[in-house]
């Protein structure tokens, strides 16, 4: 089984500029999910939406090509891809020749699909895994102008003047108004910060919480989000922790949690988790991304 401490995170890396799929480092989702009380099927669906801003390769005549790429990884895959390994893998395209962008896209989809669905040794022997390819789209320079910038929609929690004294996750800060009618609302904050699970380096993000159910006390919710400030976990794991804390303590009828993290190494990761079937948000970056 791959463990985060065995990845290239926090280590000196030799940058390989010839295609090498072995650079991808899958990490099982199951360990961190067990920490937040998920033993079997998760009470959410959704995906991790990535953007690669530093994708390049050579055409058949050796001329460099550049593009942006969007990736969509369903959250029911058994693995995530560790982000530094993803960066190193993408760098391995830099001096590799491909016929065209479609050829690059096909290789990306095949390699990443294999990585997120790879057996980790935790499945029962002989068990059948349901697999599907991940979503990959490549935007060439003539389409760059079509890439919008938009902030998360919703009522800003950051308008609240609250005292913050807790900087590791504190779900007991979450409370609801049980004596008031249920509400449907969308709340956002730009104050989400956590740290890399391995290196401790800061990860900055914005988060959108949509729910229907007993009204969540907003000051406590903001203090709860701020409490992730010194917490070490990967982006996907933080969003699932936020979802599960709200789901179990506030008991909404419906809940969605969507975070957009600023890029690192030319990659951003934007996890989305929802308790009910709905379309994924459009992968539109915020100003900080």
Protein backbone atom coordinates (compact mmCIF):
# COMPACT_ATOMS: atom_id res chain seq x y z
CA UNK A 1 0.00 0.00 0.00
CA UNK A 2 1.28 3.48 -0.84
CA UNK A 3 1.63 5.85 2.12
CA UNK A 4 2.05 9.66 1.82
CA UNK A 5 5.42 9.63 3.56
CA UNK A 6 6.77 7.36 0.81
CA UNK A 7 5.89 9.86 -1.94
CA UNK A 8 8.15 12.56 -3.40
CA UNK A 9 6.61 15.21 -1.13
CA UNK A 10 9.26 17.17 0.75
CA UNK A 11 12.12 15.41 -1.04
CA UNK A 12 14.60 16.54 -3.66
CA UNK A 13 13.34 15.40 -7.04
CA UNK A 14 15.04 14.74 -10.33
CA UNK A 15 12.82 16.20 -13.03
CA UNK A 16 12.33 13.63 -15.78
CA UNK A 17 11.39 15.26 -19.09
CA UNK A 18 10.65 12.08 -21.03
CA UNK A 19 7.26 10.44 -20.62
CA UNK A 20 7.12 8.18 -17.55
CA UNK A 21 3.77 6.96 -16.22
CA UNK A 22 5.47 5.28 -13.25
CA UNK A 23 5.92 8.70 -11.64
CA UNK A 24 2.25 8.76 -10.59
CA UNK A 25 1.84 7.92 -6.88
CA UNK A 26 -1.67 6.73 -5.89
CA UNK A 27 -2.67 6.92 -2.22
CA UNK A 28 -5.71 4.98 -0.88
CA UNK A 29 -8.66 7.07 0.28
CA UNK A 30 -9.73 4.43 2.81
CA UNK A 31 -7.35 5.29 5.67
CA UNK A 32 -8.39 8.90 6.09
CA UNK A 33 -12.04 8.03 5.52
CA UNK A 34 -11.88 5.55 8.39
CA UNK A 35 -10.69 8.41 10.64
CA UNK A 36 -13.89 10.34 9.98
CA UNK A 37 -16.21 7.38 10.50
CA UNK A 38 -16.63 6.04 6.96
CA UNK A 39 -16.23 2.26 7.09
CA UNK A 40 -18.25 1.24 4.04
CA UNK A 41 -20.11 3.25 1.46
CA UNK A 42 -19.67 7.00 1.91
CA UNK A 43 -22.79 9.15 2.44
CA UNK A 44 -21.67 11.43 -0.39
CA UNK A 45 -20.87 11.45 -4.09
CA UNK A 46 -18.91 13.93 -6.16
CA UNK A 47 -15.48 14.37 -7.67
CA UNK A 48 -12.10 16.01 -7.40
CA UNK A 49 -11.64 18.59 -10.15
CA UNK A 50 -8.04 19.43 -11.05
CA UNK A 51 -6.61 22.09 -13.34
CA UNK A 52 -3.10 21.83 -14.78
CA UNK A 53 -1.68 25.19 -15.83
CA UNK A 54 1.76 23.91 -16.90
CA UNK A 55 1.12 21.24 -19.54
CA UNK A 56 3.55 21.10 -22.46
CA UNK A 57 4.86 18.57 -25.00
CA UNK A 58 6.57 18.49 -28.40
CA UNK A 59 4.84 17.96 -31.72
CA UNK A 60 6.30 15.49 -34.21
CA UNK A 61 8.66 18.16 -35.54
CA UNK A 62 9.94 18.96 -32.06
CA UNK A 63 8.09 22.25 -31.67
CA UNK A 64 6.85 22.87 -28.09
CA UNK A 65 3.10 22.95 -27.50
CA UNK A 66 1.34 24.37 -24.44
CA UNK A 67 -2.15 23.87 -23.05
CA UNK A 68 -4.34 23.93 -19.97
CA UNK A 69 -5.95 20.70 -18.81
CA UNK A 70 -8.95 19.90 -16.64
CA UNK A 71 -9.26 16.53 -14.90
CA UNK A 72 -12.30 15.09 -13.12
CA UNK A 73 -11.69 12.20 -10.71
CA UNK A 74 -14.84 10.57 -9.25
CA UNK A 75 -14.71 10.37 -5.47
CA UNK A 76 -15.65 6.68 -5.55
CA UNK A 77 -12.22 5.78 -6.92
CA UNK A 78 -10.18 3.88 -4.29
CA UNK A 79 -7.17 6.21 -4.68
CA UNK A 80 -6.21 9.84 -5.01
CA UNK A 81 -3.09 10.88 -6.93
CA UNK A 82 -0.51 12.62 -4.76
CA UNK A 83 -0.11 16.10 -6.26
CA UNK A 84 3.69 16.32 -6.49
CA UNK A 85 3.79 13.01 -8.32
CA UNK A 86 1.15 14.40 -10.68
CA UNK A 87 3.38 17.43 -11.33
CA UNK A 88 6.44 15.25 -11.97
CA UNK A 89 4.38 13.05 -14.30
CA UNK A 90 3.16 16.06 -16.30
CA UNK A 91 6.74 17.36 -16.53
CA UNK A 92 7.71 14.07 -18.14
CA UNK A 93 5.72 15.17 -21.21
CA UNK A 94 7.96 18.23 -21.74
CA UNK A 95 10.41 16.67 -24.20
CA UNK A 96 8.17 13.88 -25.46
CA UNK A 97 6.73 13.98 -29.00
CA UNK A 98 3.04 13.41 -29.61
CA UNK A 99 1.08 13.54 -32.83
CA UNK A 100 -1.45 16.04 -31.46
CA UNK A 101 -3.42 17.11 -28.38
CA UNK A 102 -5.80 14.19 -28.77
CA UNK A 103 -2.88 11.77 -28.42
CA UNK A 104 -1.79 13.56 -25.23
CA UNK A 105 -5.34 13.44 -23.90
CA UNK A 106 -5.61 9.68 -24.53
CA UNK A 107 -2.37 8.99 -22.63
CA UNK A 108 -3.40 11.21 -19.71
CA UNK A 109 -6.79 9.52 -19.41
CA UNK A 110 -5.34 6.00 -19.55
CA UNK A 111 -2.55 6.62 -17.04
CA UNK A 112 -4.61 8.57 -14.51
CA UNK A 113 -7.53 6.14 -14.72
CA UNK A 114 -5.17 3.27 -14.01
CA UNK A 115 -3.67 5.13 -11.07
CA UNK A 116 -6.89 6.06 -9.28
CA UNK A 117 -8.38 2.61 -9.79
CA UNK A 118 -5.19 0.63 -9.04
CA UNK A 119 -5.50 -2.17 -6.53
CA UNK A 120 -3.81 -1.19 -3.26
CA UNK A 121 -3.76 -4.55 -1.52
CA UNK A 122 -6.71 -3.67 0.71
CA UNK A 123 -9.38 -5.28 -1.51
CA UNK A 124 -10.44 -8.84 -0.92
CA UNK A 125 -8.71 -11.28 -3.22
CA UNK A 126 -10.80 -12.01 -6.28
CA UNK A 127 -13.01 -8.95 -5.68
CA UNK A 128 -14.17 -7.20 -8.80
CA UNK A 129 -13.61 -3.46 -8.97
CA UNK A 130 -15.94 -1.30 -11.03
CA UNK A 131 -13.73 1.05 -13.02
CA UNK A 132 -14.34 3.99 -15.29
CA UNK A 133 -12.00 6.45 -16.93
CA UNK A 134 -11.57 9.91 -15.50
CA UNK A 135 -12.59 13.06 -17.35
CA UNK A 136 -9.85 14.87 -19.25
CA UNK A 137 -10.14 18.00 -21.36
CA UNK A 138 -7.30 19.95 -22.99
CA UNK A 139 -7.59 23.64 -23.84
CA UNK A 140 -5.21 24.92 -26.48
CA UNK A 141 -4.03 28.57 -26.47
CA UNK A 142 -6.73 29.75 -28.88
CA UNK A 143 -9.27 28.88 -26.16
CA UNK A 144 -7.49 30.52 -23.23
CA UNK A 145 -9.60 33.68 -23.50
CA UNK A 146 -12.70 31.61 -22.80
CA UNK A 147 -11.49 30.64 -19.33
CA UNK A 148 -13.53 32.74 -16.87
CA UNK A 149 -12.69 33.88 -13.35
CA UNK A 150 -15.55 33.85 -10.84
CA UNK A 151 -15.83 33.78 -7.07
CA UNK A 152 -17.95 31.20 -5.30
CA UNK A 153 -21.59 32.25 -5.06
CA UNK A 154 -23.28 32.53 -1.68
CA UNK A 155 -23.61 34.58 1.49
CA UNK A 156 -20.14 35.38 2.85
CA UNK A 157 -19.42 34.13 6.35
CA UNK A 158 -16.34 36.37 6.38
CA UNK A 159 -18.54 39.41 7.03
CA UNK A 160 -18.94 38.19 10.63
CA UNK A 161 -16.74 39.73 13.31
CA UNK A 162 -15.89 36.61 15.32
CA UNK A 163 -13.16 35.72 17.77
CA UNK A 164 -11.12 32.72 16.63
CA UNK A 165 -9.11 30.80 19.21
CA UNK A 166 -9.07 27.23 17.89
CA UNK A 167 -6.86 26.19 15.00
CA UNK A 168 -7.29 22.44 14.78
CA UNK A 169 -10.63 20.96 13.63
CA UNK A 170 -13.28 21.57 16.27
CA UNK A 171 -16.61 20.09 15.16
CA UNK A 172 -18.18 20.96 18.51
CA UNK A 173 -18.33 24.55 17.23
CA UNK A 174 -21.11 23.46 14.85
CA UNK A 175 -24.62 24.04 16.20
CA UNK A 176 -28.09 24.43 14.68
CA UNK A 177 -31.28 26.28 15.58
CA UNK A 178 -33.69 23.40 16.19
CA UNK A 179 -36.50 25.73 17.29
CA UNK A 180 -36.60 27.56 13.93
CA UNK A 181 -38.02 26.46 10.55
CA UNK A 182 -35.62 24.61 8.21
CA UNK A 183 -33.76 26.74 5.68
CA UNK A 184 -32.02 26.34 2.35
CA UNK A 185 -28.93 28.50 2.00
CA UNK A 186 -25.50 28.76 0.41
CA UNK A 187 -22.64 30.02 2.59
CA UNK A 188 -19.08 30.79 1.48
CA UNK A 189 -15.75 31.66 3.06
CA UNK A 190 -12.31 32.54 1.74
CA UNK A 191 -10.69 31.79 5.11
CA UNK A 192 -10.10 28.08 4.66
CA UNK A 193 -6.47 27.13 5.23
CA UNK A 194 -4.95 23.77 5.98
CA UNK A 195 -1.47 22.31 5.61
CA UNK A 196 0.03 19.57 3.47
CA UNK A 197 -0.18 16.25 5.29
CA UNK A 198 3.53 15.52 4.70
CA UNK A 199 5.40 18.81 4.34
CA UNK A 200 3.26 21.07 6.55
CA UNK A 201 3.30 23.74 3.84
CA UNK A 202 0.14 25.92 3.73
CA UNK A 203 -2.79 25.19 1.43
CA UNK A 204 -5.11 28.15 0.86
CA UNK A 205 -8.71 27.74 -0.22
CA UNK A 206 -12.24 29.02 -0.48
CA UNK A 207 -15.23 26.88 0.46
CA UNK A 208 -18.93 26.86 -0.41
CA UNK A 209 -21.45 25.05 1.79
CA UNK A 210 -24.97 24.48 0.42
CA UNK A 211 -27.55 22.81 2.60
CA UNK A 212 -31.22 22.33 3.42
CA UNK A 213 -32.19 21.64 7.00
CA UNK A 214 -31.99 23.18 10.47
CA UNK A 215 -30.29 26.58 10.27
CA UNK A 216 -26.59 26.26 11.00
CA UNK A 217 -25.32 28.92 13.41
CA UNK A 218 -23.12 30.99 11.14
CA UNK A 219 -20.58 32.31 13.64
CA UNK A 220 -19.85 28.80 14.82
CA UNK A 221 -19.57 27.56 11.24
CA UNK A 222 -17.02 30.25 10.42
CA UNK A 223 -15.04 29.47 13.57
CA UNK A 224 -15.16 25.79 12.62
CA UNK A 225 -13.76 26.48 9.13
CA UNK A 226 -11.00 28.64 10.61
CA UNK A 227 -10.15 25.78 12.99
CA UNK A 228 -8.57 23.92 10.05
CA UNK A 229 -5.79 26.52 9.96
CA UNK A 230 -3.11 24.33 11.58
CA UNK A 231 -4.51 21.00 10.41
CA UNK A 232 -2.39 18.69 8.23
CA UNK A 233 -4.42 16.86 5.59
CA UNK A 234 -4.71 16.69 1.82
CA UNK A 235 -7.34 18.86 0.11
CA UNK A 236 -9.70 15.97 -0.64
CA UNK A 237 -9.50 14.73 2.96
CA UNK A 238 -10.24 18.17 4.44
CA UNK A 239 -13.38 18.56 2.33
CA UNK A 240 -14.62 15.11 3.32
CA UNK A 241 -13.94 15.90 6.99
CA UNK A 242 -15.93 19.15 6.69
CA UNK A 243 -18.78 17.29 4.98
CA UNK A 244 -18.91 14.54 7.60
CA UNK A 245 -18.72 16.95 10.56
CA UNK A 246 -21.63 19.02 9.23
CA UNK A 247 -23.55 15.91 8.15
CA UNK A 248 -23.31 14.20 11.53
CA UNK A 249 -23.61 17.21 13.86
CA UNK A 250 -26.07 19.44 11.96
CA UNK A 251 -28.09 16.66 10.29
CA UNK A 252 -29.15 18.56 7.15
CA UNK A 253 -31.57 16.92 4.73
CA UNK A 254 -29.24 17.88 1.88
CA UNK A 255 -25.62 18.99 1.90
CA UNK A 256 -22.90 19.94 -0.58
CA UNK A 257 -19.35 21.06 0.23
CA UNK A 258 -17.16 22.52 -2.52
CA UNK A 259 -13.65 23.87 -2.02
CA UNK A 260 -11.32 25.59 -4.45
CA UNK A 261 -7.67 25.56 -3.38
CA UNK A 262 -5.01 27.82 -4.82
CA UNK A 263 -2.57 26.16 -7.18
CA UNK A 264 0.76 24.68 -6.18
CA UNK A 265 3.30 23.49 -8.73
CA UNK A 266 0.97 24.49 -11.55
CA UNK A 267 -1.93 22.40 -10.21
CA UNK A 268 -5.08 23.26 -8.31
CA UNK A 269 -7.42 20.72 -6.69
CA UNK A 270 -11.11 21.44 -6.17
CA UNK A 271 -13.03 18.71 -4.31
CA UNK A 272 -16.83 18.58 -4.40
CA UNK A 273 -18.93 16.33 -2.16
CA UNK A 274 -22.73 16.15 -2.14
CA UNK A 275 -25.33 14.02 -0.40
CA UNK A 276 -27.62 13.92 -3.45
CA UNK A 277 -27.30 13.48 -7.20
CA UNK A 278 -26.60 16.72 -9.03
CA UNK A 279 -24.36 18.07 -11.75
CA UNK A 280 -20.80 18.90 -10.80
CA UNK A 281 -19.97 22.60 -10.51
CA UNK A 282 -18.23 24.08 -13.52
CA UNK A 283 -14.48 24.06 -13.03
CA UNK A 284 -14.09 27.85 -12.96
CA UNK A 285 -11.13 29.30 -11.10
CA UNK A 286 -11.37 32.04 -8.51
CA UNK A 287 -9.20 35.16 -8.60
CA UNK A 288 -6.71 33.66 -6.12
CA UNK A 289 -6.24 30.60 -8.27
